[in-house]
Amino acid sequence: MRYVADWFAAGVATDDLLVYVDVDGRGAEALTADLVARGFGAERARRDGRLEIVSLEDLRGVHGCRDGRVSDPAGFAGVRVAVRADAVARRLDPAAYRALEHDLARLCRRSRVSVLCQYDGRTTGRDQLAVALGLHPDWVCASDLSLRHRDHVIQVEGLLSTPNAALLARSLDRMTEDLGTEKVLALDLRQADALTPGACEALLEGTRGFRERGGHVRCGLPPDRAWGRVLSHLLSPDDDSFELA
């Protein structure tokens, strides 16, 4: 919820309508209190008509979202929708869940809509994580780790730690799964706060498939860190597919 609060606050700055989907039926007051506790002025946003808390059943009817069509909400630059995707997956059968995810993805492509799909890392199992990464290959944000993918650039921020190593490796593997090898992949770690040996191994493991297909990775590190020595130690001297920049 902390990230949702920050994301909604950014939406106020960009003059967006904010929509929170109450999948579990907790109620508007409880969710408002949660957002306020995390530093977002949800009460004022609701009074001003900027924040709407809706049910899952209402989701596709919000401001013309029904049947995958979005009409521009009067007075707002865009729409930000936050939804607990893991809770949706528990309520819908797999086919309906995937259909809703694809509908939301189409909304984002065709209109000024952004959707934040949330998964609880404490309860999201390995299989569901694979589904989530398959549906959301371009942006993964955990509590202390963020990966963004666009074209042949992957930006990684936060704590690249051993506890995050599995998520890091699987995210990189998914982001590079369909990536062409004709261009160098820029792996940008310049905004990372920490990099452990376990996370270094995850960087190599997550890009292994791309490199084995003939791809080349150029990894950018902060200039004042000694992380390059750890990565260099793990690299094979005969493998030039992973370069430190």
C-alpha atoms as a PDB file:
ATOM      1  CA  MET A   1       0.000   0.000   0.000  1.00  0.00           C
ATOM      2  CA  ARG A   2       2.960   2.340   0.553  1.00  0.00           C
ATOM      3  CA  TYR A   3       3.824   2.211  -3.135  1.00  0.00           C
ATOM      4  CA  VAL A   4       0.173   2.805  -4.075  1.00  0.00           C
ATOM      5  CA  ALA A   5       0.152   5.904  -1.865  1.00  0.00           C
ATOM      6  CA  ASP A   6       3.276   7.254  -3.575  1.00  0.00           C
ATOM      7  CA  TRP A   7       1.909   6.372  -7.019  1.00  0.00           C
ATOM      8  CA  PHE A   8      -1.379   8.130  -6.277  1.00  0.00           C
ATOM      9  CA  ALA A   9       0.476  11.191  -4.955  1.00  0.00           C
ATOM     10  CA  ALA A  10       2.350  11.354  -8.259  1.00  0.00           C
ATOM     11  CA  GLY A  11      -1.020  11.106  -9.997  1.00  0.00           C
ATOM     12  CA  VAL A  12      -2.258  14.189  -8.170  1.00  0.00           C
ATOM     13  CA  ALA A  13       0.775  16.069  -9.500  1.00  0.00           C
ATOM     14  CA  THR A  14      -0.085  15.011 -13.063  1.00  0.00           C
ATOM     15  CA  ASP A  15      -3.803  15.791 -12.604  1.00  0.00           C
ATOM     16  CA  ASP A  16      -5.019  12.197 -12.964  1.00  0.00           C
ATOM     17  CA  LEU A  17      -8.201  10.597 -11.718  1.00  0.00           C
ATOM     18  CA  LEU A  18      -7.316   7.907  -9.158  1.00  0.00           C
ATOM     19  CA  VAL A  19      -9.238   4.640  -8.921  1.00  0.00           C
ATOM     20  CA  TYR A  20      -8.645   1.987  -6.263  1.00  0.00           C
ATOM     21  CA  VAL A  21     -10.367  -1.364  -6.824  1.00  0.00           C
ATOM     22  CA  ASP A  22     -11.623  -2.835  -3.543  1.00  0.00           C
ATOM     23  CA  VAL A  23     -11.395  -6.474  -4.603  1.00  0.00           C
ATOM     24  CA  ASP A  24     -11.819  -7.962  -1.116  1.00  0.00           C
ATOM     25  CA  GLY A  25     -14.654  -5.673  -0.041  1.00  0.00           C
ATOM     26  CA  ARG A  26     -12.762  -3.982   2.802  1.00  0.00           C
ATOM     27  CA  GLY A  27     -14.751  -0.801   2.375  1.00  0.00           C
ATOM     28  CA  ALA A  28     -13.900   2.732   1.333  1.00  0.00           C
ATOM     29  CA  GLU A  29     -13.258   4.019   4.853  1.00  0.00           C
ATOM     30  CA  ALA A  30     -10.739   1.292   5.727  1.00  0.00           C
ATOM     31  CA  LEU A  31      -8.856   1.736   2.458  1.00  0.00           C
ATOM     32  CA  THR A  32      -8.881   5.509   2.845  1.00  0.00           C
ATOM     33  CA  ALA A  33      -7.386   5.151   6.325  1.00  0.00           C
ATOM     34  CA  ASP A  34      -4.668   2.848   4.960  1.00  0.00           C
ATOM     35  CA  LEU A  35      -3.679   5.396   2.323  1.00  0.00           C
ATOM     36  CA  VAL A  36      -3.703   8.265   4.833  1.00  0.00           C
ATOM     37  CA  ALA A  37      -1.477   6.250   7.191  1.00  0.00           C
ATOM     38  CA  ARG A  38       1.036   5.966   4.367  1.00  0.00           C
ATOM     39  CA  GLY A  39       1.156   9.672   3.685  1.00  0.00           C
ATOM     40  CA  PHE A  40      -1.421  10.169   0.926  1.00  0.00           C
ATOM     41  CA  GLY A  41      -4.240  12.688   1.410  1.00  0.00           C
ATOM     42  CA  ALA A  42      -6.952  10.221   0.455  1.00  0.00           C
ATOM     43  CA  GLU A  43      -9.743  11.936   2.401  1.00  0.00           C
ATOM     44  CA  ARG A  44      -9.279  15.211   0.555  1.00  0.00           C
ATOM     45  CA  ALA A  45      -8.847  13.381  -2.757  1.00  0.00           C
ATOM     46  CA  ARG A  46     -12.197  11.659  -2.225  1.00  0.00           C
ATOM     47  CA  ARG A  47     -13.901  14.925  -1.253  1.00  0.00           C
ATOM     48  CA  ASP A  48     -12.514  16.586  -4.378  1.00  0.00           C
ATOM     49  CA  GLY A  49     -13.738  13.738  -6.586  1.00  0.00           C
ATOM     50  CA  ARG A  50     -10.170  12.833  -7.519  1.00  0.00           C
ATOM     51  CA  LEU A  51     -10.131   9.412  -5.809  1.00  0.00           C
ATOM     52  CA  GLU A  52     -12.795   6.772  -6.381  1.00  0.00           C
ATOM     53  CA  ILE A  53     -12.915   3.420  -4.585  1.00  0.00           C
ATOM     54  CA  VAL A  54     -14.856   0.874  -6.606  1.00  0.00           C
ATOM     55  CA  SER A  55     -15.630  -2.836  -6.528  1.00  0.00           C
ATOM     56  CA  LEU A  56     -14.200  -5.415  -8.897  1.00  0.00           C
ATOM     57  CA  GLU A  57     -17.623  -5.698 -10.509  1.00  0.00           C
ATOM     58  CA  ASP A  58     -17.614  -1.954 -11.147  1.00  0.00           C
ATOM     59  CA  LEU A  59     -14.107  -1.876 -12.587  1.00  0.00           C
ATOM     60  CA  ARG A  60     -15.021  -2.081 -16.260  1.00  0.00           C
ATOM     61  CA  GLY A  61     -17.759   0.510 -15.875  1.00  0.00           C
ATOM     62  CA  VAL A  62     -15.573   3.233 -14.376  1.00  0.00           C
ATOM     63  CA  HIS A  63     -15.779   6.321 -16.599  1.00  0.00           C
ATOM     64  CA  GLY A  64     -16.557   4.357 -19.748  1.00  0.00           C
ATOM     65  CA  CYS A  65     -14.142   1.457 -19.187  1.00  0.00           C
ATOM     66  CA  ARG A  66     -16.922  -1.007 -19.936  1.00  0.00           C
ATOM     67  CA  ASP A  67     -16.141  -3.351 -22.806  1.00  0.00           C
ATOM     68  CA  GLY A  68     -12.574  -2.116 -23.009  1.00  0.00           C
ATOM     69  CA  ARG A  69     -13.439   1.478 -24.026  1.00  0.00           C
ATOM     70  CA  VAL A  70     -12.299   4.481 -22.028  1.00  0.00           C
ATOM     71  CA  SER A  71     -13.753   7.932 -22.418  1.00  0.00           C
ATOM     72  CA  ASP A  72     -11.663  10.789 -21.096  1.00  0.00           C
ATOM     73  CA  PRO A  73     -12.927  11.684 -17.600  1.00  0.00           C
ATOM     74  CA  ALA A  74     -13.921  15.327 -17.606  1.00  0.00           C
ATOM     75  CA  GLY A  75     -11.433  17.579 -15.892  1.00  0.00           C
ATOM     76  CA  PHE A  76      -8.593  15.047 -15.583  1.00  0.00           C
ATOM     77  CA  ALA A  77      -5.494  14.449 -17.669  1.00  0.00           C
ATOM     78  CA  GLY A  78      -5.621  10.662 -17.301  1.00  0.00           C
ATOM     79  CA  VAL A  79      -6.653   7.747 -15.107  1.00  0.00           C
ATOM     80  CA  ARG A  80      -4.605   5.678 -12.635  1.00  0.00           C
ATOM     81  CA  VAL A  81      -6.095   2.370 -11.518  1.00  0.00           C
ATOM     82  CA  ALA A  82      -4.635   0.342  -8.624  1.00  0.00           C
ATOM     83  CA  VAL A  83      -5.837  -3.243  -8.186  1.00  0.00           C
ATOM     84  CA  ARG A  84      -4.754  -6.234  -6.108  1.00  0.00           C
ATOM     85  CA  ALA A  85      -4.235  -8.626  -9.004  1.00  0.00           C
ATOM     86  CA  ASP A  86      -3.461 -11.539  -6.689  1.00  0.00           C
ATOM     87  CA  ALA A  87      -6.834 -11.054  -4.994  1.00  0.00           C
ATOM     88  CA  VAL A  88      -8.535 -10.929  -8.398  1.00  0.00           C
ATOM     89  CA  ALA A  89      -6.848 -14.212  -9.308  1.00  0.00           C
ATOM     90  CA  ARG A  90      -8.345 -15.830  -6.204  1.00  0.00           C
ATOM     91  CA  ARG A  91     -11.860 -14.688  -7.079  1.00  0.00           C
ATOM     92  CA  LEU A  92     -11.930 -15.439 -10.797  1.00  0.00           C
ATOM     93  CA  ASP A  93     -11.205 -18.599 -12.721  1.00  0.00           C
ATOM     94  CA  PRO A  94      -7.895 -18.531 -14.640  1.00  0.00           C
ATOM     95  CA  ALA A  95      -9.488 -17.744 -18.001  1.00  0.00           C
ATOM     96  CA  ALA A  96     -11.511 -14.827 -16.623  1.00  0.00           C
ATOM     97  CA  TYR A  97      -8.495 -13.517 -14.728  1.00  0.00           C
ATOM     98  CA  ARG A  98      -6.302 -13.536 -17.828  1.00  0.00           C
ATOM     99  CA  ALA A  99      -9.076 -11.924 -19.864  1.00  0.00           C
ATOM    100  CA  LEU A 100      -9.355  -9.075 -17.363  1.00  0.00           C
ATOM    101  CA  GLU A 101      -5.582  -8.589 -17.352  1.00  0.00           C
ATOM    102  CA  HIS A 102      -5.526  -8.406 -21.150  1.00  0.00           C
ATOM    103  CA  ASP A 103      -8.481  -5.984 -21.138  1.00  0.00           C
ATOM    104  CA  LEU A 104      -6.604  -3.689 -18.757  1.00  0.00           C
ATOM    105  CA  ALA A 105      -3.477  -3.920 -20.902  1.00  0.00           C
ATOM    106  CA  ARG A 106      -5.505  -2.848 -23.941  1.00  0.00           C
ATOM    107  CA  LEU A 107      -6.884   0.110 -22.002  1.00  0.00           C
ATOM    108  CA  CYS A 108      -3.353   1.257 -21.232  1.00  0.00           C
ATOM    109  CA  ARG A 109      -2.306   0.984 -24.874  1.00  0.00           C
ATOM    110  CA  ARG A 110      -5.338   2.758 -26.305  1.00  0.00           C
ATOM    111  CA  SER A 111      -5.990   5.550 -23.823  1.00  0.00           C
ATOM    112  CA  ARG A 112      -4.517   7.661 -21.059  1.00  0.00           C
ATOM    113  CA  VAL A 113      -4.858   4.925 -18.465  1.00  0.00           C
ATOM    114  CA  SER A 114      -2.174   3.453 -16.197  1.00  0.00           C
ATOM    115  CA  VAL A 115      -2.848   0.307 -14.168  1.00  0.00           C
ATOM    116  CA  LEU A 116      -0.843  -0.791 -11.136  1.00  0.00           C
ATOM    117  CA  CYS A 117      -1.350  -4.540 -10.610  1.00  0.00           C
ATOM    118  CA  GLN A 118      -0.288  -5.555  -7.095  1.00  0.00           C
ATOM    119  CA  TYR A 119       0.842  -8.951  -5.832  1.00  0.00           C
ATOM    120  CA  ASP A 120       1.611  -9.834  -2.219  1.00  0.00           C
ATOM    121  CA  GLY A 121       5.128 -11.240  -2.161  1.00  0.00           C
ATOM    122  CA  ARG A 122       4.367 -13.131   1.059  1.00  0.00           C
ATOM    123  CA  THR A 123       1.592 -15.189  -0.503  1.00  0.00           C
ATOM    124  CA  THR A 124       2.350 -15.200  -4.237  1.00  0.00           C
ATOM    125  CA  GLY A 125       3.639 -18.662  -5.059  1.00  0.00           C
ATOM    126  CA  ARG A 126       6.151 -19.654  -7.700  1.00  0.00           C
ATOM    127  CA  ASP A 127       3.528 -20.575 -10.305  1.00  0.00           C
ATOM    128  CA  GLN A 128       1.522 -17.386  -9.781  1.00  0.00           C
ATOM    129  CA  LEU A 129       4.723 -15.341  -9.945  1.00  0.00           C
ATOM    130  CA  ALA A 130       5.439 -16.896 -13.336  1.00  0.00           C
ATOM    131  CA  VAL A 131       1.952 -15.920 -14.516  1.00  0.00           C
ATOM    132  CA  ALA A 132       2.389 -12.386 -13.160  1.00  0.00           C
ATOM    133  CA  LEU A 133       5.740 -11.932 -14.892  1.00  0.00           C
ATOM    134  CA  GLY A 134       4.271 -13.298 -18.096  1.00  0.00           C
ATOM    135  CA  LEU A 135       1.452 -10.757 -17.990  1.00  0.00           C
ATOM    136  CA  HIS A 136       3.642  -7.843 -16.863  1.00  0.00           C
ATOM    137  CA  PRO A 137       7.031  -8.249 -18.536  1.00  0.00           C
ATOM    138  CA  ASP A 138       7.981  -4.571 -18.699  1.00  0.00           C
ATOM    139  CA  TRP A 139       7.763  -3.353 -15.101  1.00  0.00           C
ATOM    140  CA  VAL A 140       8.278  -5.191 -11.834  1.00  0.00           C
ATOM    141  CA  CYS A 141       8.266  -3.275  -8.563  1.00  0.00           C
ATOM    142  CA  ALA A 142       8.744  -4.963  -5.190  1.00  0.00           C
ATOM    143  CA  SER A 143       9.041  -3.217  -1.832  1.00  0.00           C
ATOM    144  CA  ASP A 144      12.757  -2.516  -2.326  1.00  0.00           C
ATOM    145  CA  LEU A 145      13.454  -3.508  -5.938  1.00  0.00           C
ATOM    146  CA  SER A 146      12.289  -2.081  -9.255  1.00  0.00           C
ATOM    147  CA  LEU A 147      12.927  -3.209 -12.838  1.00  0.00           C
ATOM    148  CA  ARG A 148      11.727  -1.282 -15.880  1.00  0.00           C
ATOM    149  CA  HIS A 149      12.146  -2.546 -19.416  1.00  0.00           C
ATOM    150  CA  ARG A 150      11.875  -0.559 -22.622  1.00  0.00           C
ATOM    151  CA  ASP A 151      13.299  -1.743 -25.921  1.00  0.00           C
ATOM    152  CA  HIS A 152      16.896  -2.836 -25.210  1.00  0.00           C
ATOM    153  CA  VAL A 153      17.229  -1.034 -21.872  1.00  0.00           C
ATOM    154  CA  ILE A 154      16.468  -2.510 -18.451  1.00  0.00           C
ATOM    155  CA  GLN A 155      16.798  -0.137 -15.516  1.00  0.00           C
ATOM    156  CA  VAL A 156      17.199  -1.754 -12.102  1.00  0.00           C
ATOM    157  CA  GLU A 157      16.851   0.291  -8.910  1.00  0.00           C
ATOM    158  CA  GLY A 158      16.793  -0.437  -5.195  1.00  0.00           C
ATOM    159  CA  LEU A 159      18.360  -3.253  -3.210  1.00  0.00           C
ATOM    160  CA  LEU A 160      19.818  -5.991  -5.382  1.00  0.00           C
ATOM    161  CA  SER A 161      20.122  -8.332  -2.438  1.00  0.00           C
ATOM    162  CA  THR A 162      20.243 -12.081  -1.987  1.00  0.00           C
ATOM    163  CA  PRO A 163      16.585 -12.266  -0.767  1.00  0.00           C
ATOM    164  CA  ASN A 164      15.566 -10.536  -4.022  1.00  0.00           C
ATOM    165  CA  ALA A 165      17.816 -12.708  -6.201  1.00  0.00           C
ATOM    166  CA  ALA A 166      15.131 -15.134  -7.389  1.00  0.00           C
ATOM    167  CA  LEU A 167      12.749 -12.324  -8.377  1.00  0.00           C
ATOM    168  CA  LEU A 168      15.610 -10.465 -10.065  1.00  0.00           C
ATOM    169  CA  ALA A 169      16.698 -13.486 -12.114  1.00  0.00           C
ATOM    170  CA  ARG A 170      13.175 -14.464 -13.166  1.00  0.00           C
ATOM    171  CA  SER A 171      12.254 -10.883 -14.062  1.00  0.00           C
ATOM    172  CA  LEU A 172      15.336 -10.455 -16.247  1.00  0.00           C
ATOM    173  CA  ASP A 173      14.713 -13.809 -17.896  1.00  0.00           C
ATOM    174  CA  ARG A 174      11.130 -12.813 -18.751  1.00  0.00           C
ATOM    175  CA  MET A 175      12.093  -9.336 -19.945  1.00  0.00           C
ATOM    176  CA  THR A 176      14.692 -10.753 -22.329  1.00  0.00           C
ATOM    177  CA  GLU A 177      12.748 -13.843 -23.415  1.00  0.00           C
ATOM    178  CA  ASP A 178      11.438 -12.285 -26.633  1.00  0.00           C
ATOM    179  CA  LEU A 179      14.174  -9.675 -27.048  1.00  0.00           C
ATOM    180  CA  GLY A 180      16.072  -9.600 -30.315  1.00  0.00           C
ATOM    181  CA  THR A 181      19.822 -10.080 -30.146  1.00  0.00           C
ATOM    182  CA  GLU A 182      20.716  -7.651 -32.925  1.00  0.00           C
ATOM    183  CA  LYS A 183      21.210  -4.810 -30.407  1.00  0.00           C
ATOM    184  CA  VAL A 184      23.176  -4.667 -27.164  1.00  0.00           C
ATOM    185  CA  LEU A 185      21.054  -4.917 -24.021  1.00  0.00           C
ATOM    186  CA  ALA A 186      21.853  -2.034 -21.655  1.00  0.00           C
ATOM    187  CA  LEU A 187      21.463  -3.215 -18.062  1.00  0.00           C
ATOM    188  CA  ASP A 188      21.409   0.030 -16.067  1.00  0.00           C
ATOM    189  CA  LEU A 189      22.293  -0.428 -12.390  1.00  0.00           C
ATOM    190  CA  ARG A 190      23.467   3.143 -11.785  1.00  0.00           C
ATOM    191  CA  GLN A 191      20.590   3.857  -9.381  1.00  0.00           C
ATOM    192  CA  ALA A 192      20.949   0.634  -7.401  1.00  0.00           C
ATOM    193  CA  ASP A 193      21.503   0.965  -3.654  1.00  0.00           C
ATOM    194  CA  ALA A 194      23.145  -2.400  -3.006  1.00  0.00           C
ATOM    195  CA  LEU A 195      24.461  -5.391  -4.941  1.00  0.00           C
ATOM    196  CA  THR A 196      25.280  -8.631  -3.139  1.00  0.00           C
ATOM    197  CA  PRO A 197      27.164 -11.616  -4.589  1.00  0.00           C
ATOM    198  CA  GLY A 198      23.880 -13.536  -4.734  1.00  0.00           C
ATOM    199  CA  ALA A 199      22.294 -10.750  -6.774  1.00  0.00           C
ATOM    200  CA  CYS A 200      25.357 -10.676  -9.056  1.00  0.00           C
ATOM    201  CA  GLU A 201      24.748 -14.333  -9.826  1.00  0.00           C
ATOM    202  CA  ALA A 202      21.084 -13.501 -10.488  1.00  0.00           C
ATOM    203  CA  LEU A 203      22.096 -10.866 -13.059  1.00  0.00           C
ATOM    204  CA  LEU A 204      24.098 -13.465 -14.943  1.00  0.00           C
ATOM    205  CA  GLU A 205      21.448 -16.165 -14.590  1.00  0.00           C
ATOM    206  CA  GLY A 206      18.607 -13.861 -15.642  1.00  0.00           C
ATOM    207  CA  THR A 207      20.390 -12.821 -18.834  1.00  0.00           C
ATOM    208  CA  ARG A 208      21.821 -16.249 -19.628  1.00  0.00           C
ATOM    209  CA  GLY A 209      19.106 -17.208 -22.117  1.00  0.00           C
ATOM    210  CA  PHE A 210      19.490 -13.927 -24.003  1.00  0.00           C
ATOM    211  CA  ARG A 211      23.273 -14.314 -24.133  1.00  0.00           C
ATOM    212  CA  GLU A 212      23.118 -17.954 -25.185  1.00  0.00           C
ATOM    213  CA  ARG A 213      21.031 -16.866 -28.185  1.00  0.00           C
ATOM    214  CA  GLY A 214      23.901 -14.591 -29.216  1.00  0.00           C
ATOM    215  CA  GLY A 215      22.912 -11.467 -27.293  1.00  0.00           C
ATOM    216  CA  HIS A 216      25.349  -9.083 -25.619  1.00  0.00           C
ATOM    217  CA  VAL A 217      24.794  -7.305 -22.285  1.00  0.00           C
ATOM    218  CA  ARG A 218      26.466  -4.058 -21.254  1.00  0.00           C
ATOM    219  CA  CYS A 219      26.043  -3.528 -17.511  1.00  0.00           C
ATOM    220  CA  GLY A 220      26.312   0.028 -16.177  1.00  0.00           C
ATOM    221  CA  LEU A 221      27.387   0.375 -12.535  1.00  0.00           C
ATOM    222  CA  PRO A 222      27.693   3.383 -10.207  1.00  0.00           C
ATOM    223  CA  PRO A 223      31.166   4.923 -10.649  1.00  0.00           C
ATOM    224  CA  ASP A 224      31.963   5.003  -6.934  1.00  0.00           C
ATOM    225  CA  ARG A 225      31.144   1.364  -6.165  1.00  0.00           C
ATOM    226  CA  ALA A 226      33.363  -1.698  -6.078  1.00  0.00           C
ATOM    227  CA  TRP A 227      30.611  -3.990  -7.359  1.00  0.00           C
ATOM    228  CA  GLY A 228      32.392  -4.505 -10.656  1.00  0.00           C
ATOM    229  CA  ARG A 229      35.054  -6.584  -8.932  1.00  0.00           C
ATOM    230  CA  VAL A 230      32.431  -9.024  -7.650  1.00  0.00           C
ATOM    231  CA  LEU A 231      30.840  -9.377 -11.082  1.00  0.00           C
ATOM    232  CA  SER A 232      34.218  -9.711 -12.761  1.00  0.00           C
ATOM    233  CA  HIS A 233      35.085 -12.557 -10.419  1.00  0.00           C
ATOM    234  CA  LEU A 234      31.916 -14.418 -11.465  1.00  0.00           C
ATOM    235  CA  LEU A 235      32.397 -13.902 -15.206  1.00  0.00           C
ATOM    236  CA  SER A 236      34.127 -16.566 -17.229  1.00  0.00           C
ATOM    237  CA  PRO A 237      37.270 -15.224 -18.949  1.00  0.00           C
ATOM    238  CA  ASP A 238      36.127 -16.953 -22.143  1.00  0.00           C
ATOM    239  CA  ASP A 239      32.670 -15.314 -22.107  1.00  0.00           C
ATOM    240  CA  ASP A 240      32.511 -11.834 -23.625  1.00  0.00           C
ATOM    241  CA  SER A 241      28.691 -11.683 -23.738  1.00  0.00           C
ATOM    242  CA  PHE A 242      28.453  -9.734 -20.446  1.00  0.00           C
ATOM    243  CA  GLU A 243      30.414  -6.484 -20.376  1.00  0.00           C
ATOM    244  CA  LEU A 244      30.916  -4.057 -17.487  1.00  0.00           C
ATOM    245  CA  ALA A 245      30.636  -0.406 -18.488  1.00  0.00           C
END
